[in-house]
C-alpha cells in the first residue's frame, strides 16, 4: 500500500538523466515474467520520456510479450482490459511496483532502468 513514487524514491536514487539524449527520451530495458512457466525473457528496449506512462506503450509491450511466448497475440491481448503489472528492478532482488497510468519520471524510472512486466 502507498504511493509507488514514494516507494521508488525510498528504494534508491533515481537513475541519472543524460543531457543531450534525443528528444528527452531514454532507454528502458523491458523484461517479461511468465507466471505459468516461471520464465523471464527480455522484451527489448523501450524509448520513453519521463512524462510518458507505460499505458502509452501498451501496444508495443503486449506485442512483445506475445511474441516472447512463441505465438501470436490472442484477441484479448489487443483490448485495453488485458491485465499488465509492472515493477521497477532496483537490483539485488529489490522490486518496486509502478503504475502503468502514471508518468515514469514521477515514479523514479530514469535512464537505463529495468522494468519487469507480467500479465
PDB file of N, CA and C in Angstrom:
ATOM      1  N   UNK A   1       0.835  -1.173   0.000  1.00  0.00           N
ATOM      2  CA  UNK A   1       0.000   0.000   0.000  1.00  0.00           C
ATOM      3  C   UNK A   1       0.880   1.236   0.000  1.00  0.00           C
ATOM      4  N   UNK A   2       0.319   2.317  -0.529  1.00  0.00           N
ATOM      5  CA  UNK A   2       1.066   3.553  -0.533  1.00  0.00           C
ATOM      6  C   UNK A   2       1.339   4.047  -1.933  1.00  0.00           C
ATOM      7  N   UNK A   3       2.057   5.109  -1.978  1.00  0.00           N
ATOM      8  CA  UNK A   3       2.383   5.793  -3.219  1.00  0.00           C
ATOM      9  C   UNK A   3       3.577   5.128  -3.898  1.00  0.00           C
ATOM     10  N   UNK A   4       3.411   4.618  -5.140  1.00  0.00           N
ATOM     11  CA  UNK A   4       4.540   3.987  -5.825  1.00  0.00           C
ATOM     12  C   UNK A   4       5.723   4.926  -6.020  1.00  0.00           C
ATOM     13  N   UNK A   5       5.458   6.214  -6.229  1.00  0.00           N
ATOM     14  CA  UNK A   5       6.550   7.170  -6.422  1.00  0.00           C
ATOM     15  C   UNK A   5       7.380   7.291  -5.146  1.00  0.00           C
ATOM     16  N   UNK A   6       6.701   7.303  -3.996  1.00  0.00           N
ATOM     17  CA  UNK A   6       7.420   7.383  -2.726  1.00  0.00           C
ATOM     18  C   UNK A   6       8.215   6.107  -2.483  1.00  0.00           C
ATOM     19  N   UNK A   7       7.632   4.964  -2.852  1.00  0.00           N
ATOM     20  CA  UNK A   7       8.335   3.688  -2.683  1.00  0.00           C
ATOM     21  C   UNK A   7       9.576   3.633  -3.561  1.00  0.00           C
ATOM     22  N   UNK A   8       9.459   4.121  -4.797  1.00  0.00           N
ATOM     23  CA  UNK A   8      10.605   4.124  -5.706  1.00  0.00           C
ATOM     24  C   UNK A   8      11.698   5.054  -5.186  1.00  0.00           C
ATOM     25  N   UNK A   9      11.291   6.200  -4.654  1.00  0.00           N
ATOM     26  CA  UNK A   9      12.270   7.143  -4.120  1.00  0.00           C
ATOM     27  C   UNK A   9      12.972   6.562  -2.897  1.00  0.00           C
ATOM     28  N   UNK A  10      12.228   5.829  -2.084  1.00  0.00           N
ATOM     29  CA  UNK A  10      12.817   5.231  -0.887  1.00  0.00           C
ATOM     30  C   UNK A  10      13.731   4.062  -1.230  1.00  0.00           C
ATOM     31  N   UNK A  11      13.479   3.409  -2.363  1.00  0.00           N
ATOM     32  CA  UNK A  11      14.257   2.229  -2.742  1.00  0.00           C
ATOM     33  C   UNK A  11      15.667   2.572  -3.194  1.00  0.00           C
ATOM     34  N   UNK A  12      15.881   3.786  -3.608  1.00  0.00           N
ATOM     35  CA  UNK A  12      17.224   4.145  -4.049  1.00  0.00           C
ATOM     36  C   UNK A  12      17.200   5.396  -4.890  1.00  0.00           C
ATOM     37  N   UNK A  13      18.366   5.881  -5.257  1.00  0.00           N
ATOM     38  CA  UNK A  13      18.422   7.111  -6.050  1.00  0.00           C
ATOM     39  C   UNK A  13      17.855   6.894  -7.444  1.00  0.00           C
ATOM     40  N   UNK A  14      17.284   7.948  -7.974  1.00  0.00           N
ATOM     41  CA  UNK A  14      16.779   7.881  -9.339  1.00  0.00           C
ATOM     42  C   UNK A  14      17.942   7.735 -10.298  1.00  0.00           C
ATOM     43  N   UNK A  15      17.679   7.039 -11.377  1.00  0.00           N
ATOM     44  CA  UNK A  15      18.717   6.899 -12.398  1.00  0.00           C
ATOM     45  C   UNK A  15      19.014   8.273 -12.982  1.00  0.00           C
ATOM     46  N   UNK A  16      20.252   8.513 -13.277  1.00  0.00           N
ATOM     47  CA  UNK A  16      20.663   9.811 -13.815  1.00  0.00           C
ATOM     48  C   UNK A  16      20.041  10.045 -15.179  1.00  0.00           C
ATOM     49  N   UNK A  17      19.653  11.264 -15.424  1.00  0.00           N
ATOM     50  CA  UNK A  17      19.176  11.634 -16.748  1.00  0.00           C
ATOM     51  C   UNK A  17      20.379  12.111 -17.542  1.00  0.00           C
ATOM     52  N   UNK A  18      20.430  11.731 -18.766  1.00  0.00           N
ATOM     53  CA  UNK A  18      21.576  12.055 -19.601  1.00  0.00           C
ATOM     54  C   UNK A  18      21.229  13.253 -20.472  1.00  0.00           C
ATOM     55  N   UNK A  19      21.974  14.346 -20.290  1.00  0.00           N
ATOM     56  CA  UNK A  19      21.752  15.534 -21.109  1.00  0.00           C
ATOM     57  C   UNK A  19      22.119  15.233 -22.545  1.00  0.00           C
ATOM     58  N   UNK A  20      21.348  15.783 -23.455  1.00  0.00           N
ATOM     59  CA  UNK A  20      21.638  15.604 -24.863  1.00  0.00           C
ATOM     60  C   UNK A  20      21.049  14.342 -25.462  1.00  0.00           C
ATOM     61  N   UNK A  21      20.353  13.534 -24.672  1.00  0.00           N
ATOM     62  CA  UNK A  21      19.719  12.344 -25.236  1.00  0.00           C
ATOM     63  C   UNK A  21      18.589  12.814 -26.145  1.00  0.00           C
ATOM     64  N   UNK A  22      18.466  12.268 -27.355  1.00  0.00           N
ATOM     65  CA  UNK A  22      17.481  12.751 -28.323  1.00  0.00           C
ATOM     66  C   UNK A  22      16.065  12.827 -27.759  1.00  0.00           C
ATOM     67  N   UNK A  23      15.429  13.972 -27.956  1.00  0.00           N
ATOM     68  CA  UNK A  23      14.026  14.194 -27.610  1.00  0.00           C
ATOM     69  C   UNK A  23      13.709  13.926 -26.145  1.00  0.00           C
ATOM     70  N   UNK A  24      14.696  14.009 -25.273  1.00  0.00           N
ATOM     71  CA  UNK A  24      14.475  13.760 -23.853  1.00  0.00           C
ATOM     72  C   UNK A  24      13.852  12.390 -23.594  1.00  0.00           C
ATOM     73  N   UNK A  25      14.192  11.438 -24.422  1.00  0.00           N
ATOM     74  CA  UNK A  25      13.725  10.058 -24.246  1.00  0.00           C
ATOM     75  C   UNK A  25      14.905   9.221 -23.788  1.00  0.00           C
ATOM     76  N   UNK A  26      14.629   8.222 -22.989  1.00  0.00           N
ATOM     77  CA  UNK A  26      15.707   7.382 -22.506  1.00  0.00           C
ATOM     78  C   UNK A  26      15.338   5.910 -22.650  1.00  0.00           C
ATOM     79  N   UNK A  27      16.359   5.058 -22.698  1.00  0.00           N
ATOM     80  CA  UNK A  27      16.104   3.629 -22.884  1.00  0.00           C
ATOM     81  C   UNK A  27      15.728   2.943 -21.571  1.00  0.00           C
ATOM     82  N   UNK A  28      14.762   2.044 -21.661  1.00  0.00           N
ATOM     83  CA  UNK A  28      14.343   1.222 -20.533  1.00  0.00           C
ATOM     84  C   UNK A  28      14.391  -0.233 -20.974  1.00  0.00           C
ATOM     85  N   UNK A  29      15.088  -1.048 -20.240  1.00  0.00           N
ATOM     86  CA  UNK A  29      15.128  -2.473 -20.535  1.00  0.00           C
ATOM     87  C   UNK A  29      13.839  -3.096 -20.016  1.00  0.00           C
ATOM     88  N   UNK A  30      13.095  -3.739 -20.902  1.00  0.00           N
ATOM     89  CA  UNK A  30      11.821  -4.347 -20.523  1.00  0.00           C
ATOM     90  C   UNK A  30      11.942  -5.862 -20.560  1.00  0.00           C
ATOM     91  N   UNK A  31      11.569  -6.480 -19.454  1.00  0.00           N
ATOM     92  CA  UNK A  31      11.574  -7.939 -19.356  1.00  0.00           C
ATOM     93  C   UNK A  31      10.161  -8.404 -19.025  1.00  0.00           C
ATOM     94  N   UNK A  32       9.887  -9.650 -19.369  1.00  0.00           N
ATOM     95  CA  UNK A  32       8.568 -10.223 -19.137  1.00  0.00           C
ATOM     96  C   UNK A  32       8.704 -11.488 -18.304  1.00  0.00           C
ATOM     97  N   UNK A  33       7.941 -11.566 -17.229  1.00  0.00           N
ATOM     98  CA  UNK A  33       7.927 -12.754 -16.386  1.00  0.00           C
ATOM     99  C   UNK A  33       6.626 -13.494 -16.636  1.00  0.00           C
ATOM    100  N   UNK A  34       6.736 -14.733 -17.088  1.00  0.00           N
ATOM    101  CA  UNK A  34       5.578 -15.583 -17.347  1.00  0.00           C
ATOM    102  C   UNK A  34       5.337 -16.445 -16.110  1.00  0.00           C
ATOM    103  N   UNK A  35       4.235 -16.183 -15.413  1.00  0.00           N
ATOM    104  CA  UNK A  35       3.939 -16.914 -14.176  1.00  0.00           C
ATOM    105  C   UNK A  35       3.686 -18.396 -14.408  1.00  0.00           C
ATOM    106  N   UNK A  36       3.164 -18.744 -15.574  1.00  0.00           N
ATOM    107  CA  UNK A  36       2.859 -20.156 -15.836  1.00  0.00           C
ATOM    108  C   UNK A  36       4.127 -20.986 -15.992  1.00  0.00           C
ATOM    109  N   UNK A  37       5.080 -20.465 -16.728  1.00  0.00           N
ATOM    110  CA  UNK A  37       6.312 -21.228 -16.966  1.00  0.00           C
ATOM    111  C   UNK A  37       7.449 -20.832 -16.017  1.00  0.00           C
ATOM    112  N   UNK A  38       7.246 -19.757 -15.250  1.00  0.00           N
ATOM    113  CA  UNK A  38       8.277 -19.195 -14.366  1.00  0.00           C
ATOM    114  C   UNK A  38       9.531 -18.820 -15.147  1.00  0.00           C
ATOM    115  N   UNK A  39       9.317 -18.347 -16.369  1.00  0.00           N
ATOM    116  CA  UNK A  39      10.412 -17.969 -17.264  1.00  0.00           C
ATOM    117  C   UNK A  39      10.426 -16.451 -17.416  1.00  0.00           C
ATOM    118  N   UNK A  40      11.609 -15.870 -17.376  1.00  0.00           N
ATOM    119  CA  UNK A  40      11.764 -14.432 -17.579  1.00  0.00           C
ATOM    120  C   UNK A  40      12.504 -14.214 -18.893  1.00  0.00           C
ATOM    121  N   UNK A  41      11.946 -13.396 -19.776  1.00  0.00           N
ATOM    122  CA  UNK A  41      12.582 -13.139 -21.063  1.00  0.00           C
ATOM    123  C   UNK A  41      12.690 -11.638 -21.298  1.00  0.00           C
ATOM    124  N   UNK A  42      13.643 -11.259 -22.122  1.00  0.00           N
ATOM    125  CA  UNK A  42      13.842  -9.853 -22.471  1.00  0.00           C
ATOM    126  C   UNK A  42      12.899  -9.498 -23.613  1.00  0.00           C
ATOM    127  N   UNK A  43      12.121  -8.436 -23.415  1.00  0.00           N
ATOM    128  CA  UNK A  43      11.212  -7.966 -24.457  1.00  0.00           C
ATOM    129  C   UNK A  43      11.921  -7.036 -25.423  1.00  0.00           C
ATOM    130  N   UNK A  44      12.834  -6.248 -24.914  1.00  0.00           N
ATOM    131  CA  UNK A  44      13.544  -5.286 -25.742  1.00  0.00           C
ATOM    132  C   UNK A  44      13.770  -3.999 -24.973  1.00  0.00           C
ATOM    133  N   UNK A  45      14.215  -2.997 -25.693  1.00  0.00           N
ATOM    134  CA  UNK A  45      14.486  -1.690 -25.104  1.00  0.00           C
ATOM    135  C   UNK A  45      13.427  -0.719 -25.596  1.00  0.00           C
ATOM    136  N   UNK A  46      12.754  -0.100 -24.662  1.00  0.00           N
ATOM    137  CA  UNK A  46      11.710   0.872 -24.949  1.00  0.00           C
ATOM    138  C   UNK A  46      12.288   2.266 -24.746  1.00  0.00           C
ATOM    139  N   UNK A  47      12.082   3.156 -25.708  1.00  0.00           N
ATOM    140  CA  UNK A  47      12.478   4.557 -25.542  1.00  0.00           C
ATOM    141  C   UNK A  47      11.265   5.328 -25.049  1.00  0.00           C
ATOM    142  N   UNK A  48      11.402   5.982 -23.910  1.00  0.00           N
ATOM    143  CA  UNK A  48      10.283   6.707 -23.320  1.00  0.00           C
ATOM    144  C   UNK A  48      10.783   8.001 -22.700  1.00  0.00           C
ATOM    145  N   UNK A  49       9.892   8.965 -22.599  1.00  0.00           N
ATOM    146  CA  UNK A  49      10.228  10.222 -21.934  1.00  0.00           C
ATOM    147  C   UNK A  49       9.739  10.153 -20.488  1.00  0.00           C
ATOM    148  N   UNK A  50      10.250  11.010 -19.616  1.00  0.00           N
ATOM    149  CA  UNK A  50       9.807  10.999 -18.218  1.00  0.00           C
ATOM    150  C   UNK A  50       8.310  11.273 -18.066  1.00  0.00           C
ATOM    151  N   UNK A  51       7.718  11.957 -19.044  1.00  0.00           N
ATOM    152  CA  UNK A  51       6.296  12.283 -18.980  1.00  0.00           C
ATOM    153  C   UNK A  51       5.408  11.143 -19.465  1.00  0.00           C
ATOM    154  N   UNK A  52       5.992  10.154 -20.133  1.00  0.00           N
ATOM    155  CA  UNK A  52       5.208   9.027 -20.649  1.00  0.00           C
ATOM    156  C   UNK A  52       4.726   8.135 -19.515  1.00  0.00           C
ATOM    157  N   UNK A  53       3.544   7.561 -19.720  1.00  0.00           N
ATOM    158  CA  UNK A  53       3.053   6.478 -18.868  1.00  0.00           C
ATOM    159  C   UNK A  53       3.190   5.192 -19.677  1.00  0.00           C
ATOM    160  N   UNK A  54       3.397   4.073 -19.012  1.00  0.00           N
ATOM    161  CA  UNK A  54       3.559   2.811 -19.741  1.00  0.00           C
ATOM    162  C   UNK A  54       2.325   2.456 -20.558  1.00  0.00           C
ATOM    163  N   UNK A  55       1.153   2.931 -20.141  1.00  0.00           N
ATOM    164  CA  UNK A  55      -0.056   2.656 -20.923  1.00  0.00           C
ATOM    165  C   UNK A  55       0.052   3.206 -22.340  1.00  0.00           C
ATOM    166  N   UNK A  56       0.830   4.267 -22.525  1.00  0.00           N
ATOM    167  CA  UNK A  56       1.029   4.825 -23.858  1.00  0.00           C
ATOM    168  C   UNK A  56       1.798   3.857 -24.750  1.00  0.00           C
ATOM    169  N   UNK A  57       2.504   2.924 -24.168  1.00  0.00           N
ATOM    170  CA  UNK A  57       3.310   1.956 -24.908  1.00  0.00           C
ATOM    171  C   UNK A  57       2.752   0.537 -24.775  1.00  0.00           C
ATOM    172  N   UNK A  58       1.512   0.422 -24.318  1.00  0.00           N
ATOM    173  CA  UNK A  58       0.925  -0.896 -24.041  1.00  0.00           C
ATOM    174  C   UNK A  58       0.856  -1.772 -25.283  1.00  0.00           C
ATOM    175  N   UNK A  59       0.575  -1.205 -26.436  1.00  0.00           N
ATOM    176  CA  UNK A  59       0.506  -2.000 -27.664  1.00  0.00           C
ATOM    177  C   UNK A  59       1.836  -2.674 -27.971  1.00  0.00           C
ATOM    178  N   UNK A  60       2.921  -1.910 -27.898  1.00  0.00           N
ATOM    179  CA  UNK A  60       4.250  -2.473 -28.156  1.00  0.00           C
ATOM    180  C   UNK A  60       4.592  -3.528 -27.112  1.00  0.00           C
ATOM    181  N   UNK A  61       4.311  -3.222 -25.845  1.00  0.00           N
ATOM    182  CA  UNK A  61       4.624  -4.161 -24.767  1.00  0.00           C
ATOM    183  C   UNK A  61       3.857  -5.469 -24.931  1.00  0.00           C
ATOM    184  N   UNK A  62       2.568  -5.373 -25.230  1.00  0.00           N
ATOM    185  CA  UNK A  62       1.753  -6.584 -25.393  1.00  0.00           C
ATOM    186  C   UNK A  62       2.215  -7.413 -26.580  1.00  0.00           C
ATOM    187  N   UNK A  63       2.531  -6.737 -27.664  1.00  0.00           N
ATOM    188  CA  UNK A  63       3.006  -7.456 -28.856  1.00  0.00           C
ATOM    189  C   UNK A  63       4.298  -8.207 -28.546  1.00  0.00           C
ATOM    190  N   UNK A  64       5.217  -7.555 -27.843  1.00  0.00           N
ATOM    191  CA  UNK A  64       6.480  -8.198 -27.486  1.00  0.00           C
ATOM    192  C   UNK A  64       6.257  -9.340 -26.489  1.00  0.00           C
ATOM    193  N   UNK A  65       5.321  -9.176 -25.559  1.00  0.00           N
ATOM    194  CA  UNK A  65       5.016 -10.235 -24.603  1.00  0.00           C
ATOM    195  C   UNK A  65       4.458 -11.461 -25.316  1.00  0.00           C
ATOM    196  N   UNK A  66       3.578 -11.234 -26.267  1.00  0.00           N
ATOM    197  CA  UNK A  66       3.001 -12.351 -27.019  1.00  0.00           C
ATOM    198  C   UNK A  66       4.069 -13.067 -27.836  1.00  0.00           C
ATOM    199  N   UNK A  67       4.948 -12.314 -28.466  1.00  0.00           N
ATOM    200  CA  UNK A  67       5.984 -12.960 -29.279  1.00  0.00           C
ATOM    201  C   UNK A  67       6.985 -13.708 -28.404  1.00  0.00           C
ATOM    202  N   UNK A  68       7.173 -13.265 -27.162  1.00  0.00           N
ATOM    203  CA  UNK A  68       8.095 -13.978 -26.275  1.00  0.00           C
ATOM    204  C   UNK A  68       7.536 -15.339 -25.872  1.00  0.00           C
ATOM    205  N   UNK A  69       6.227 -15.496 -25.993  1.00  0.00           N
ATOM    206  CA  UNK A  69       5.584 -16.777 -25.694  1.00  0.00           C
ATOM    207  C   UNK A  69       5.675 -17.736 -26.872  1.00  0.00           C
ATOM    208  N   UNK A  70       6.168 -17.245 -27.998  1.00  0.00           N
ATOM    209  CA  UNK A  70       6.329 -18.095 -29.168  1.00  0.00           C
ATOM    210  C   UNK A  70       5.100 -18.180 -30.047  1.00  0.00           C
ATOM    211  N   UNK A  71       4.155 -17.290 -29.871  1.00  0.00           N
ATOM    212  CA  UNK A  71       2.946 -17.332 -30.690  1.00  0.00           C
ATOM    213  C   UNK A  71       2.435 -15.943 -30.976  1.00  0.00           C
ATOM    214  N   UNK A  72       1.318 -15.897 -31.637  1.00  0.00           N
ATOM    215  CA  UNK A  72       0.699 -14.609 -31.926  1.00  0.00           C
ATOM    216  C   UNK A  72      -0.154 -14.190 -30.733  1.00  0.00           C
ATOM    217  N   UNK A  73      -0.516 -12.931 -30.720  1.00  0.00           N
ATOM    218  CA  UNK A  73      -1.311 -12.411 -29.613  1.00  0.00           C
ATOM    219  C   UNK A  73      -2.736 -12.943 -29.679  1.00  0.00           C
ATOM    220  N   UNK A  74      -3.282 -13.363 -28.541  1.00  0.00           N
ATOM    221  CA  UNK A  74      -4.691 -13.729 -28.519  1.00  0.00           C
ATOM    222  C   UNK A  74      -5.543 -12.476 -28.688  1.00  0.00           C
ATOM    223  N   UNK A  75      -6.794 -12.623 -29.148  1.00  0.00           N
ATOM    224  CA  UNK A  75      -7.640 -11.441 -29.372  1.00  0.00           C
ATOM    225  C   UNK A  75      -7.761 -10.548 -28.140  1.00  0.00           C
ATOM    226  N   UNK A  76      -7.816 -11.140 -26.949  1.00  0.00           N
ATOM    227  CA  UNK A  76      -7.962 -10.316 -25.747  1.00  0.00           C
ATOM    228  C   UNK A  76      -6.733  -9.467 -25.465  1.00  0.00           C
ATOM    229  N   UNK A  77      -5.609  -9.810 -26.078  1.00  0.00           N
ATOM    230  CA  UNK A  77      -4.388  -9.035 -25.861  1.00  0.00           C
ATOM    231  C   UNK A  77      -4.491  -7.642 -26.452  1.00  0.00           C
ATOM    232  N   UNK A  78      -5.308  -7.484 -27.471  1.00  0.00           N
ATOM    233  CA  UNK A  78      -5.448  -6.179 -28.111  1.00  0.00           C
ATOM    234  C   UNK A  78      -6.369  -5.256 -27.327  1.00  0.00           C
ATOM    235  N   UNK A  79      -7.155  -5.803 -26.414  1.00  0.00           N
ATOM    236  CA  UNK A  79      -8.106  -4.975 -25.679  1.00  0.00           C
ATOM    237  C   UNK A  79      -7.413  -4.256 -24.527  1.00  0.00           C
ATOM    238  N   UNK A  80      -8.015  -3.157 -24.134  1.00  0.00           N
ATOM    239  CA  UNK A  80      -7.448  -2.374 -23.037  1.00  0.00           C
ATOM    240  C   UNK A  80      -7.563  -3.105 -21.705  1.00  0.00           C
ATOM    241  N   UNK A  81      -8.405  -4.128 -21.642  1.00  0.00           N
ATOM    242  CA  UNK A  81      -8.611  -4.838 -20.397  1.00  0.00           C
ATOM    243  C   UNK A  81      -7.599  -5.924 -20.106  1.00  0.00           C
ATOM    244  N   UNK A  82      -6.667  -6.176 -21.024  1.00  0.00           N
ATOM    245  CA  UNK A  82      -5.672  -7.222 -20.789  1.00  0.00           C
ATOM    246  C   UNK A  82      -4.787  -6.778 -19.648  1.00  0.00           C
ATOM    247  N   UNK A  83      -4.752  -7.508 -18.556  1.00  0.00           N
ATOM    248  CA  UNK A  83      -4.033  -7.008 -17.377  1.00  0.00           C
ATOM    249  C   UNK A  83      -2.518  -7.054 -17.531  1.00  0.00           C
ATOM    250  N   UNK A  84      -1.891  -6.017 -17.082  1.00  0.00           N
ATOM    251  CA  UNK A  84      -0.435  -5.935 -17.009  1.00  0.00           C
ATOM    252  C   UNK A  84      -0.074  -5.407 -15.630  1.00  0.00           C
ATOM    253  N   UNK A  85       0.974  -5.926 -15.071  1.00  0.00           N
ATOM    254  CA  UNK A  85       1.536  -5.330 -13.864  1.00  0.00           C
ATOM    255  C   UNK A  85       3.013  -5.108 -14.137  1.00  0.00           C
ATOM    256  N   UNK A  86       3.585  -4.147 -13.442  1.00  0.00           N
ATOM    257  CA  UNK A  86       4.973  -3.794 -13.725  1.00  0.00           C
ATOM    258  C   UNK A  86       5.691  -3.426 -12.438  1.00  0.00           C
ATOM    259  N   UNK A  87       6.965  -3.796 -12.393  1.00  0.00           N
ATOM    260  CA  UNK A  87       7.838  -3.440 -11.272  1.00  0.00           C
ATOM    261  C   UNK A  87       9.123  -2.835 -11.814  1.00  0.00           C
ATOM    262  N   UNK A  88       9.675  -1.930 -11.053  1.00  0.00           N
ATOM    263  CA  UNK A  88      10.983  -1.360 -11.332  1.00  0.00           C
ATOM    264  C   UNK A  88      12.006  -2.235 -10.627  1.00  0.00           C
ATOM    265  N   UNK A  89      12.972  -2.754 -11.380  1.00  0.00           N
ATOM    266  CA  UNK A  89      14.016  -3.608 -10.819  1.00  0.00           C
ATOM    267  C   UNK A  89      15.106  -2.711 -10.242  1.00  0.00           C
ATOM    268  N   UNK A  90      15.202  -2.676  -8.921  1.00  0.00           N
ATOM    269  CA  UNK A  90      16.178  -1.819  -8.243  1.00  0.00           C
ATOM    270  C   UNK A  90      17.468  -2.557  -7.919  1.00  0.00           C
ATOM    271  N   UNK A  91      17.602  -3.780  -8.403  1.00  0.00           N
ATOM    272  CA  UNK A  91      18.812  -4.567  -8.168  1.00  0.00           C
ATOM    273  C   UNK A  91      18.769  -5.325  -6.854  1.00  0.00           C
ATOM    274  N   UNK A  92      19.616  -6.320  -6.753  1.00  0.00           N
ATOM    275  CA  UNK A  92      19.746  -7.155  -5.548  1.00  0.00           C
ATOM    276  C   UNK A  92      18.408  -7.729  -5.097  1.00  0.00           C
ATOM    277  N   UNK A  93      17.554  -8.078  -6.057  1.00  0.00           N
ATOM    278  CA  UNK A  93      16.272  -8.693  -5.729  1.00  0.00           C
ATOM    279  C   UNK A  93      15.217  -7.730  -5.234  1.00  0.00           C
ATOM    280  N   UNK A  94      15.482  -6.447  -5.306  1.00  0.00           N
ATOM    281  CA  UNK A  94      14.540  -5.436  -4.842  1.00  0.00           C
ATOM    282  C   UNK A  94      13.675  -4.956  -6.005  1.00  0.00           C
ATOM    283  N   UNK A  95      12.364  -5.140  -5.868  1.00  0.00           N
ATOM    284  CA  UNK A  95      11.416  -4.707  -6.887  1.00  0.00           C
ATOM    285  C   UNK A  95      10.453  -3.701  -6.279  1.00  0.00           C
ATOM    286  N   UNK A  96      10.148  -2.651  -7.033  1.00  0.00           N
ATOM    287  CA  UNK A  96       9.202  -1.636  -6.594  1.00  0.00           C
ATOM    288  C   UNK A  96       8.073  -1.586  -7.621  1.00  0.00           C
ATOM    289  N   UNK A  97       6.823  -1.826  -7.193  1.00  0.00           N
ATOM    290  CA  UNK A  97       5.716  -1.758  -8.148  1.00  0.00           C
ATOM    291  C   UNK A  97       5.564  -0.342  -8.695  1.00  0.00           C
ATOM    292  N   UNK A  98       5.268  -0.262  -9.977  1.00  0.00           N
ATOM    293  CA  UNK A  98       4.975   1.043 -10.572  1.00  0.00           C
ATOM    294  C   UNK A  98       3.625   0.969 -11.259  1.00  0.00           C
ATOM    295  N   UNK A  99       3.009   2.114 -11.403  1.00  0.00           N
ATOM    296  CA  UNK A  99       1.688   2.186 -12.029  1.00  0.00           C
ATOM    297  C   UNK A  99       1.840   2.399 -13.519  1.00  0.00           C
ATOM    298  N   UNK A 100       0.983   1.750 -14.270  1.00  0.00           N
ATOM    299  CA  UNK A 100       1.010   1.853 -15.726  1.00  0.00           C
ATOM    300  C   UNK A 100       0.464   3.202 -16.201  1.00  0.00           C
ATOM    301  N   UNK A 101      -0.340   3.861 -15.377  1.00  0.00           N
ATOM    302  CA  UNK A 101      -1.011   5.087 -15.801  1.00  0.00           C
ATOM    303  C   UNK A 101      -0.373   6.365 -15.252  1.00  0.00           C
ATOM    304  N   UNK A 102       0.728   6.274 -14.547  1.00  0.00           N
ATOM    305  CA  UNK A 102       1.421   7.451 -14.020  1.00  0.00           C
ATOM    306  C   UNK A 102       2.671   7.726 -14.840  1.00  0.00           C
ATOM    307  N   UNK A 103       3.092   8.995 -14.926  1.00  0.00           N
ATOM    308  CA  UNK A 103       4.333   9.306 -15.644  1.00  0.00           C
ATOM    309  C   UNK A 103       5.522   8.559 -15.045  1.00  0.00           C
ATOM    310  N   UNK A 104       6.368   8.050 -15.914  1.00  0.00           N
ATOM    311  CA  UNK A 104       7.526   7.263 -15.481  1.00  0.00           C
ATOM    312  C   UNK A 104       8.464   8.068 -14.589  1.00  0.00           C
ATOM    313  N   UNK A 105       8.733   9.314 -14.972  1.00  0.00           N
ATOM    314  CA  UNK A 105       9.652  10.151 -14.202  1.00  0.00           C
ATOM    315  C   UNK A 105       9.177  10.399 -12.780  1.00  0.00           C
ATOM    316  N   UNK A 106       7.865  10.467 -12.577  1.00  0.00           N
ATOM    317  CA  UNK A 106       7.311  10.687 -11.241  1.00  0.00           C
ATOM    318  C   UNK A 106       7.455   9.462 -10.345  1.00  0.00           C
ATOM    319  N   UNK A 107       7.782   8.318 -10.941  1.00  0.00           N
ATOM    320  CA  UNK A 107       7.882   7.070 -10.182  1.00  0.00           C
ATOM    321  C   UNK A 107       9.328   6.605 -10.004  1.00  0.00           C
ATOM    322  N   UNK A 108      10.264   7.466 -10.350  1.00  0.00           N
ATOM    323  CA  UNK A 108      11.670   7.126 -10.165  1.00  0.00           C
ATOM    324  C   UNK A 108      12.270   6.324 -11.294  1.00  0.00           C
ATOM    325  N   UNK A 109      11.561   6.226 -12.415  1.00  0.00           N
ATOM    326  CA  UNK A 109      12.078   5.484 -13.568  1.00  0.00           C
ATOM    327  C   UNK A 109      12.904   6.447 -14.399  1.00  0.00           C
ATOM    328  N   UNK A 110      14.177   6.143 -14.575  1.00  0.00           N
ATOM    329  CA  UNK A 110      15.075   7.026 -15.303  1.00  0.00           C
ATOM    330  C   UNK A 110      15.906   6.279 -16.320  1.00  0.00           C
ATOM    331  N   UNK A 111      16.903   6.944 -16.828  1.00  0.00           N
ATOM    332  CA  UNK A 111      17.768   6.438 -17.891  1.00  0.00           C
ATOM    333  C   UNK A 111      18.340   5.069 -17.531  1.00  0.00           C
ATOM    334  N   UNK A 112      18.101   4.096 -18.384  1.00  0.00           N
ATOM    335  CA  UNK A 112      18.691   2.772 -18.228  1.00  0.00           C
ATOM    336  C   UNK A 112      18.049   1.870 -17.192  1.00  0.00           C
ATOM    337  N   UNK A 113      16.915   2.249 -16.634  1.00  0.00           N
ATOM    338  CA  UNK A 113      16.247   1.397 -15.647  1.00  0.00           C
ATOM    339  C   UNK A 113      15.720   0.123 -16.304  1.00  0.00           C
ATOM    340  N   UNK A 114      15.513  -0.880 -15.486  1.00  0.00           N
ATOM    341  CA  UNK A 114      14.952  -2.152 -15.955  1.00  0.00           C
ATOM    342  C   UNK A 114      13.553  -2.319 -15.379  1.00  0.00           C
ATOM    343  N   UNK A 115      12.623  -2.704 -16.244  1.00  0.00           N
ATOM    344  CA  UNK A 115      11.243  -2.942 -15.843  1.00  0.00           C
ATOM    345  C   UNK A 115      10.915  -4.415 -16.042  1.00  0.00           C
ATOM    346  N   UNK A 116      10.145  -4.976 -15.132  1.00  0.00           N
ATOM    347  CA  UNK A 116       9.684  -6.353 -15.264  1.00  0.00           C
ATOM    348  C   UNK A 116       8.165  -6.318 -15.342  1.00  0.00           C
ATOM    349  N   UNK A 117       7.628  -6.835 -16.449  1.00  0.00           N
ATOM    350  CA  UNK A 117       6.186  -6.869 -16.665  1.00  0.00           C
ATOM    351  C   UNK A 117       5.673  -8.288 -16.525  1.00  0.00           C
ATOM    352  N   UNK A 118       4.420  -8.391 -16.116  1.00  0.00           N
ATOM    353  CA  UNK A 118       3.779  -9.699 -16.081  1.00  0.00           C
ATOM    354  C   UNK A 118       2.294  -9.493 -16.340  1.00  0.00           C
ATOM    355  N   UNK A 119       1.652 -10.527 -16.856  1.00  0.00           N
ATOM    356  CA  UNK A 119       0.215 -10.434 -17.140  1.00  0.00           C
ATOM    357  C   UNK A 119      -0.561 -11.384 -16.266  1.00  0.00           C
TER     358      UNK A 119
END
